[in-house]
Every structure is written in C-alpha cells, then in structure tokens.
Amino acid sequence: MGSPSVSSVSAKWGAIAPSHRRWGYLSADFAAVAKLRGVSADQIQSSIAHEAAIIEAEISDRLNTRILALERMAKRWEVRGGTPQQEWEADAAIYLKDFSGWQAIEWIDATAHVRWVAPSGGTKPSSI
C-alpha cells in the first residue's frame, strides 16, 4: 500500500483573519481617531503591524498543529507498513472531531486514487 500524504486532506477553511480591505478601513479609522487624539500615523501603523504579526503567528501555529497531526498519522503508516482500515478511520475521525473546519480526510494511493475517506460518505472517492 502507498503511503498517505498530507496533501490528501480535504479542508474547508472559514475566514481566519479579516480581509486586506478591512485592514485598510481599520487603518483609516485609526488614523482619524489618532488625529483627534494627537497620535501619529507612524504609531498607528506600528501598532497595526504588531497586531498583524500576532495574528499571523496564531494562524501559523494552528496550521502547523493540524499538519503535524496528519504527519504523525502518515508516519505510523510508514513504520507499520500500512494501517488497518478500521484503525485509520478511527484516527481520522478523531482528527476531524478535534480540528473543526475539515470536510474529510482521504487516503490516496500511489496511483492517485482515493481509497479511504473519513467520514465514510464524506466525499465521493475518485482519482485526482
């Protein structure tokens, strides 16, 4: 059996962070308020850049946690020379429960055919 890859995860992500347009509006609002309060535009830009860096780090941490979970599942497959389907489906069900936003996790074989899908019936098996 082929080894699963992280790219075999079907994910549906919701909005994680405000759009660039919202940041622009937010920046303009801060600038107007800052002018009234005597705060410089540079201070506002610095504050916004700092907050954006915090949000970026949080998103990165959350994505890395999800990726590492799938890599552990794939590594188990490699070490054992495969995983029984029932055990694979149980692992996948736990990941789907723990990490909201995913539609399904799929095992795609070396010929690019979807062999297993969790949850069963979650997506229609097909080739890539």
N, C-alpha and C. Protein backbone atom coordinates (compact mmCIF):
# COMPACT_ATOMS: atom_id res chain seq x y z
N MET A 1 0.84 -1.19 0.00
CA MET A 1 0.00 0.00 0.00
C MET A 1 0.87 1.23 0.00
N GLY A 2 0.43 2.28 -0.69
CA GLY A 2 1.19 3.52 -0.73
C GLY A 2 1.07 4.29 0.57
N SER A 3 1.94 5.18 0.74
CA SER A 3 1.97 5.99 1.95
C SER A 3 1.06 7.21 1.77
N PRO A 4 0.26 7.57 2.77
CA PRO A 4 -0.61 8.73 2.65
C PRO A 4 0.22 10.00 2.66
N SER A 5 -0.31 11.03 2.08
CA SER A 5 0.40 12.30 2.11
C SER A 5 -0.48 13.36 2.76
N VAL A 6 0.18 14.37 3.26
CA VAL A 6 -0.54 15.46 3.91
C VAL A 6 -1.46 16.14 2.90
N SER A 7 -1.09 16.10 1.63
CA SER A 7 -1.92 16.75 0.62
C SER A 7 -3.22 16.01 0.38
N SER A 8 -3.39 14.86 1.02
CA SER A 8 -4.63 14.11 0.83
C SER A 8 -5.72 14.53 1.79
N VAL A 9 -5.55 15.66 2.41
CA VAL A 9 -6.55 16.17 3.34
C VAL A 9 -7.47 17.12 2.60
N SER A 10 -8.76 16.88 2.70
CA SER A 10 -9.70 17.82 2.14
C SER A 10 -10.08 18.78 3.26
N ALA A 11 -9.82 20.04 3.07
CA ALA A 11 -10.08 21.01 4.12
C ALA A 11 -10.94 22.14 3.59
N LYS A 12 -11.82 22.60 4.42
CA LYS A 12 -12.62 23.76 4.08
C LYS A 12 -12.38 24.77 5.19
N TRP A 13 -11.67 25.83 4.86
CA TRP A 13 -11.30 26.82 5.87
C TRP A 13 -12.30 27.96 5.86
N GLY A 14 -12.71 28.35 7.04
CA GLY A 14 -13.53 29.54 7.17
C GLY A 14 -12.63 30.75 7.18
N ALA A 15 -13.22 31.90 7.36
CA ALA A 15 -12.41 33.12 7.41
C ALA A 15 -11.60 33.09 8.70
N ILE A 16 -10.29 33.14 8.56
CA ILE A 16 -9.42 33.09 9.73
C ILE A 16 -9.04 34.49 10.18
N ALA A 17 -8.88 35.38 9.26
CA ALA A 17 -8.47 36.74 9.59
C ALA A 17 -9.22 37.71 8.69
N PRO A 18 -9.37 38.96 9.11
CA PRO A 18 -10.06 39.95 8.28
C PRO A 18 -9.35 40.12 6.94
N SER A 19 -10.12 40.51 5.94
CA SER A 19 -9.55 40.70 4.61
C SER A 19 -8.67 41.95 4.60
N HIS A 20 -7.85 42.07 3.54
CA HIS A 20 -6.98 43.23 3.40
C HIS A 20 -7.80 44.52 3.35
N ARG A 21 -8.96 44.46 2.72
CA ARG A 21 -9.80 45.65 2.62
C ARG A 21 -10.23 46.12 4.01
N ARG A 22 -10.61 45.17 4.86
CA ARG A 22 -11.00 45.54 6.22
C ARG A 22 -9.84 46.17 6.97
N TRP A 23 -8.63 45.64 6.75
CA TRP A 23 -7.45 46.23 7.40
C TRP A 23 -7.28 47.67 6.95
N GLY A 24 -7.52 47.92 5.67
CA GLY A 24 -7.40 49.29 5.15
C GLY A 24 -8.39 50.22 5.80
N TYR A 25 -9.65 49.77 5.92
CA TYR A 25 -10.66 50.58 6.58
C TYR A 25 -10.31 50.81 8.05
N LEU A 26 -9.86 49.74 8.69
CA LEU A 26 -9.48 49.83 10.09
C LEU A 26 -8.34 50.83 10.27
N SER A 27 -7.38 50.77 9.38
CA SER A 27 -6.24 51.69 9.44
C SER A 27 -6.71 53.13 9.27
N ALA A 28 -7.61 53.36 8.32
CA ALA A 28 -8.14 54.71 8.09
C ALA A 28 -8.90 55.20 9.31
N ASP A 29 -9.70 54.32 9.92
CA ASP A 29 -10.43 54.70 11.14
C ASP A 29 -9.47 55.07 12.26
N PHE A 30 -8.44 54.25 12.45
CA PHE A 30 -7.45 54.54 13.48
C PHE A 30 -6.76 55.88 13.22
N ALA A 31 -6.47 56.14 11.96
CA ALA A 31 -5.78 57.38 11.61
C ALA A 31 -6.65 58.58 11.96
N ALA A 32 -7.96 58.49 11.69
CA ALA A 32 -8.87 59.59 12.01
C ALA A 32 -8.95 59.81 13.51
N VAL A 33 -9.08 58.73 14.27
CA VAL A 33 -9.14 58.83 15.72
C VAL A 33 -7.81 59.35 16.27
N ALA A 34 -6.72 58.87 15.70
CA ALA A 34 -5.39 59.28 16.16
C ALA A 34 -5.19 60.78 15.97
N LYS A 35 -5.67 61.29 14.84
CA LYS A 35 -5.53 62.73 14.57
C LYS A 35 -6.24 63.52 15.66
N LEU A 36 -7.41 63.05 16.04
CA LEU A 36 -8.17 63.72 17.09
C LEU A 36 -7.46 63.64 18.44
N ARG A 37 -6.75 62.56 18.69
CA ARG A 37 -6.09 62.34 19.97
C ARG A 37 -4.61 62.74 19.96
N GLY A 38 -4.11 63.14 18.83
CA GLY A 38 -2.72 63.57 18.76
C GLY A 38 -1.72 62.43 18.64
N VAL A 39 -2.16 61.27 18.18
CA VAL A 39 -1.27 60.13 17.98
C VAL A 39 -0.81 60.14 16.52
N SER A 40 0.46 59.88 16.29
CA SER A 40 0.98 59.96 14.93
C SER A 40 0.56 58.75 14.09
N ALA A 41 0.54 58.96 12.78
CA ALA A 41 0.20 57.89 11.85
C ALA A 41 1.24 56.77 11.94
N ASP A 42 2.50 57.12 12.19
CA ASP A 42 3.54 56.10 12.34
C ASP A 42 3.27 55.19 13.53
N GLN A 43 2.80 55.77 14.63
CA GLN A 43 2.47 54.96 15.81
C GLN A 43 1.32 54.02 15.51
N ILE A 44 0.34 54.52 14.77
CA ILE A 44 -0.81 53.68 14.40
C ILE A 44 -0.35 52.54 13.50
N GLN A 45 0.46 52.86 12.48
CA GLN A 45 0.95 51.83 11.57
C GLN A 45 1.76 50.78 12.32
N SER A 46 2.56 51.23 13.26
CA SER A 46 3.37 50.30 14.05
C SER A 46 2.49 49.38 14.88
N SER A 47 1.46 49.95 15.46
CA SER A 47 0.52 49.15 16.27
C SER A 47 -0.21 48.13 15.41
N ILE A 48 -0.65 48.55 14.24
CA ILE A 48 -1.36 47.64 13.33
C ILE A 48 -0.42 46.53 12.86
N ALA A 49 0.82 46.88 12.52
CA ALA A 49 1.80 45.88 12.08
C ALA A 49 2.06 44.86 13.19
N HIS A 50 2.13 45.34 14.41
CA HIS A 50 2.35 44.44 15.55
C HIS A 50 1.18 43.47 15.71
N GLU A 51 -0.03 43.98 15.65
CA GLU A 51 -1.22 43.13 15.77
C GLU A 51 -1.30 42.13 14.62
N ALA A 52 -0.95 42.57 13.40
CA ALA A 52 -0.97 41.66 12.25
C ALA A 52 0.04 40.54 12.43
N ALA A 53 1.20 40.84 13.00
CA ALA A 53 2.21 39.81 13.25
C ALA A 53 1.71 38.80 14.28
N ILE A 54 1.01 39.26 15.27
CA ILE A 54 0.44 38.35 16.28
C ILE A 54 -0.59 37.42 15.63
N ILE A 55 -1.45 37.98 14.80
CA ILE A 55 -2.47 37.17 14.11
C ILE A 55 -1.81 36.17 13.18
N GLU A 56 -0.79 36.60 12.45
CA GLU A 56 -0.07 35.70 11.54
C GLU A 56 0.56 34.53 12.31
N ALA A 57 1.16 34.82 13.45
CA ALA A 57 1.78 33.76 14.26
C ALA A 57 0.72 32.77 14.76
N GLU A 58 -0.43 33.28 15.16
CA GLU A 58 -1.51 32.41 15.66
C GLU A 58 -2.02 31.49 14.55
N ILE A 59 -2.24 32.04 13.37
CA ILE A 59 -2.70 31.24 12.23
C ILE A 59 -1.66 30.18 11.89
N SER A 60 -0.41 30.57 11.85
CA SER A 60 0.68 29.64 11.54
C SER A 60 0.74 28.51 12.56
N ASP A 61 0.62 28.83 13.84
CA ASP A 61 0.64 27.81 14.88
C ASP A 61 -0.52 26.82 14.72
N ARG A 62 -1.69 27.34 14.43
CA ARG A 62 -2.86 26.46 14.27
C ARG A 62 -2.70 25.54 13.06
N LEU A 63 -2.20 26.08 11.95
CA LEU A 63 -2.00 25.25 10.76
C LEU A 63 -0.91 24.21 11.01
N ASN A 64 0.16 24.60 11.66
CA ASN A 64 1.24 23.64 11.96
C ASN A 64 0.75 22.50 12.84
N THR A 65 -0.10 22.79 13.80
CA THR A 65 -0.66 21.76 14.67
C THR A 65 -1.44 20.74 13.84
N ARG A 66 -2.23 21.22 12.91
CA ARG A 66 -3.02 20.32 12.05
C ARG A 66 -2.11 19.48 11.15
N ILE A 67 -1.12 20.11 10.58
CA ILE A 67 -0.20 19.40 9.69
C ILE A 67 0.58 18.33 10.46
N LEU A 68 1.06 18.67 11.64
CA LEU A 68 1.81 17.70 12.44
C LEU A 68 0.95 16.49 12.82
N ALA A 69 -0.31 16.71 13.10
CA ALA A 69 -1.21 15.59 13.42
C ALA A 69 -1.31 14.63 12.24
N LEU A 70 -1.45 15.17 11.04
CA LEU A 70 -1.54 14.31 9.85
C LEU A 70 -0.20 13.63 9.56
N GLU A 71 0.89 14.33 9.81
CA GLU A 71 2.20 13.71 9.60
C GLU A 71 2.41 12.53 10.55
N ARG A 72 1.92 12.64 11.79
CA ARG A 72 2.01 11.51 12.73
C ARG A 72 1.23 10.31 12.19
N MET A 73 0.06 10.58 11.65
CA MET A 73 -0.77 9.52 11.08
C MET A 73 -0.04 8.86 9.91
N ALA A 74 0.58 9.65 9.04
CA ALA A 74 1.32 9.13 7.90
C ALA A 74 2.56 8.36 8.35
N LYS A 75 3.24 8.85 9.37
CA LYS A 75 4.46 8.18 9.88
C LYS A 75 4.11 6.80 10.45
N ARG A 76 2.99 6.73 11.17
CA ARG A 76 2.54 5.43 11.70
C ARG A 76 2.36 4.45 10.55
N TRP A 77 1.77 4.93 9.45
CA TRP A 77 1.55 4.10 8.26
C TRP A 77 2.88 3.58 7.74
N GLU A 78 3.85 4.47 7.62
CA GLU A 78 5.17 4.08 7.09
C GLU A 78 5.86 3.07 7.99
N VAL A 79 5.87 3.31 9.29
CA VAL A 79 6.57 2.44 10.23
C VAL A 79 5.95 1.05 10.26
N ARG A 80 4.64 0.99 10.17
CA ARG A 80 3.95 -0.30 10.27
C ARG A 80 3.74 -0.97 8.92
N GLY A 81 4.06 -0.28 7.84
CA GLY A 81 3.83 -0.87 6.52
C GLY A 81 2.36 -0.89 6.16
N GLY A 82 1.63 0.07 6.66
CA GLY A 82 0.19 0.16 6.41
C GLY A 82 -0.55 0.26 7.73
N THR A 83 -1.80 0.61 7.64
CA THR A 83 -2.66 0.69 8.82
C THR A 83 -3.97 0.02 8.48
N PRO A 84 -4.49 -0.83 9.36
CA PRO A 84 -5.80 -1.43 9.08
C PRO A 84 -6.85 -0.33 8.87
N GLN A 85 -7.73 -0.55 7.93
CA GLN A 85 -8.71 0.48 7.57
C GLN A 85 -9.52 0.94 8.78
N GLN A 86 -9.95 0.04 9.63
CA GLN A 86 -10.75 0.42 10.80
C GLN A 86 -9.96 1.37 11.72
N GLU A 87 -8.69 1.06 11.92
CA GLU A 87 -7.84 1.91 12.76
C GLU A 87 -7.61 3.27 12.10
N TRP A 88 -7.36 3.28 10.79
CA TRP A 88 -7.15 4.52 10.05
C TRP A 88 -8.39 5.40 10.15
N GLU A 89 -9.56 4.80 9.96
CA GLU A 89 -10.82 5.56 10.04
C GLU A 89 -11.05 6.12 11.44
N ALA A 90 -10.68 5.35 12.48
CA ALA A 90 -10.82 5.84 13.86
C ALA A 90 -9.89 7.04 14.09
N ASP A 91 -8.64 6.93 13.64
CA ASP A 91 -7.71 8.06 13.76
C ASP A 91 -8.25 9.30 13.04
N ALA A 92 -8.69 9.10 11.81
CA ALA A 92 -9.21 10.21 11.01
C ALA A 92 -10.43 10.85 11.68
N ALA A 93 -11.31 10.03 12.24
CA ALA A 93 -12.50 10.56 12.91
C ALA A 93 -12.11 11.44 14.10
N ILE A 94 -11.08 11.03 14.83
CA ILE A 94 -10.62 11.84 15.97
C ILE A 94 -10.07 13.17 15.48
N TYR A 95 -9.27 13.15 14.41
CA TYR A 95 -8.72 14.41 13.87
C TYR A 95 -9.85 15.32 13.38
N LEU A 96 -10.84 14.76 12.72
CA LEU A 96 -11.97 15.56 12.24
C LEU A 96 -12.73 16.19 13.39
N LYS A 97 -12.84 15.46 14.49
CA LYS A 97 -13.52 15.99 15.68
C LYS A 97 -12.69 17.08 16.34
N ASP A 98 -11.39 16.86 16.46
CA ASP A 98 -10.51 17.79 17.16
C ASP A 98 -10.23 19.07 16.38
N PHE A 99 -10.24 18.99 15.06
CA PHE A 99 -9.90 20.15 14.23
C PHE A 99 -11.09 20.51 13.36
N SER A 100 -11.92 21.39 13.83
CA SER A 100 -13.10 21.79 13.07
C SER A 100 -12.68 22.48 11.77
N GLY A 101 -13.53 22.45 10.80
CA GLY A 101 -13.27 23.10 9.53
C GLY A 101 -12.89 22.13 8.43
N TRP A 102 -12.50 20.91 8.78
CA TRP A 102 -12.17 19.92 7.76
C TRP A 102 -13.44 19.25 7.29
N GLN A 103 -13.52 18.98 6.01
CA GLN A 103 -14.66 18.22 5.49
C GLN A 103 -14.39 16.73 5.57
N ALA A 104 -13.16 16.34 5.23
CA ALA A 104 -12.83 14.92 5.20
C ALA A 104 -11.32 14.74 5.18
N ILE A 105 -10.89 13.54 5.52
CA ILE A 105 -9.50 13.13 5.36
C ILE A 105 -9.54 11.92 4.44
N GLU A 106 -8.65 11.92 3.45
CA GLU A 106 -8.64 10.85 2.46
C GLU A 106 -7.29 10.16 2.42
N TRP A 107 -7.30 8.85 2.16
CA TRP A 107 -6.07 8.14 1.85
C TRP A 107 -6.07 7.96 0.35
N ILE A 108 -5.05 8.51 -0.29
CA ILE A 108 -4.91 8.44 -1.74
C ILE A 108 -3.70 7.56 -2.04
N ASP A 109 -3.90 6.53 -2.84
CA ASP A 109 -2.81 5.59 -3.10
C ASP A 109 -1.81 6.15 -4.11
N ALA A 110 -0.79 5.36 -4.39
CA ALA A 110 0.30 5.79 -5.28
C ALA A 110 -0.17 6.05 -6.70
N THR A 111 -1.33 5.50 -7.08
CA THR A 111 -1.85 5.73 -8.43
C THR A 111 -2.83 6.91 -8.45
N ALA A 112 -2.86 7.68 -7.37
CA ALA A 112 -3.70 8.88 -7.24
C ALA A 112 -5.20 8.57 -7.20
N HIS A 113 -5.56 7.41 -6.68
CA HIS A 113 -6.97 7.07 -6.49
C HIS A 113 -7.30 7.16 -5.00
N VAL A 114 -8.43 7.78 -4.72
CA VAL A 114 -8.89 7.86 -3.33
C VAL A 114 -9.37 6.48 -2.93
N ARG A 115 -8.77 5.93 -1.87
CA ARG A 115 -9.12 4.58 -1.42
C ARG A 115 -10.02 4.62 -0.19
N TRP A 116 -9.69 5.47 0.78
CA TRP A 116 -10.49 5.56 2.00
C TRP A 116 -10.82 7.02 2.25
N VAL A 117 -12.01 7.24 2.78
CA VAL A 117 -12.45 8.59 3.11
C VAL A 117 -13.08 8.56 4.49
N ALA A 118 -12.70 9.51 5.31
CA ALA A 118 -13.35 9.67 6.61
C ALA A 118 -13.87 11.10 6.68
N PRO A 119 -15.10 11.30 7.05
CA PRO A 119 -16.06 10.27 7.41
C PRO A 119 -16.53 9.53 6.16
N SER A 120 -16.92 8.27 6.37
CA SER A 120 -17.36 7.48 5.22
C SER A 120 -18.56 8.20 4.61
N GLY A 121 -18.53 8.33 3.31
CA GLY A 121 -19.59 9.07 2.61
C GLY A 121 -19.36 10.58 2.65
N GLY A 122 -18.23 11.03 3.26
CA GLY A 122 -17.94 12.46 3.37
C GLY A 122 -17.71 13.11 2.03
N THR A 123 -16.91 12.47 1.20
CA THR A 123 -16.72 12.92 -0.18
C THR A 123 -16.72 11.69 -1.05
N LYS A 124 -17.00 11.89 -2.30
CA LYS A 124 -17.09 10.76 -3.22
C LYS A 124 -15.69 10.35 -3.68
N PRO A 125 -15.29 9.09 -3.45
CA PRO A 125 -13.97 8.65 -3.91
C PRO A 125 -13.82 8.80 -5.42
N SER A 126 -12.68 9.31 -5.83
CA SER A 126 -12.39 9.47 -7.25
C SER A 126 -10.88 9.59 -7.40
N SER A 127 -10.42 9.74 -8.62
CA SER A 127 -8.99 9.94 -8.81
C SER A 127 -8.71 11.44 -8.83
N ILE A 128 -7.47 11.78 -8.59
CA ILE A 128 -7.08 13.20 -8.56
C ILE A 128 -6.92 13.70 -9.97
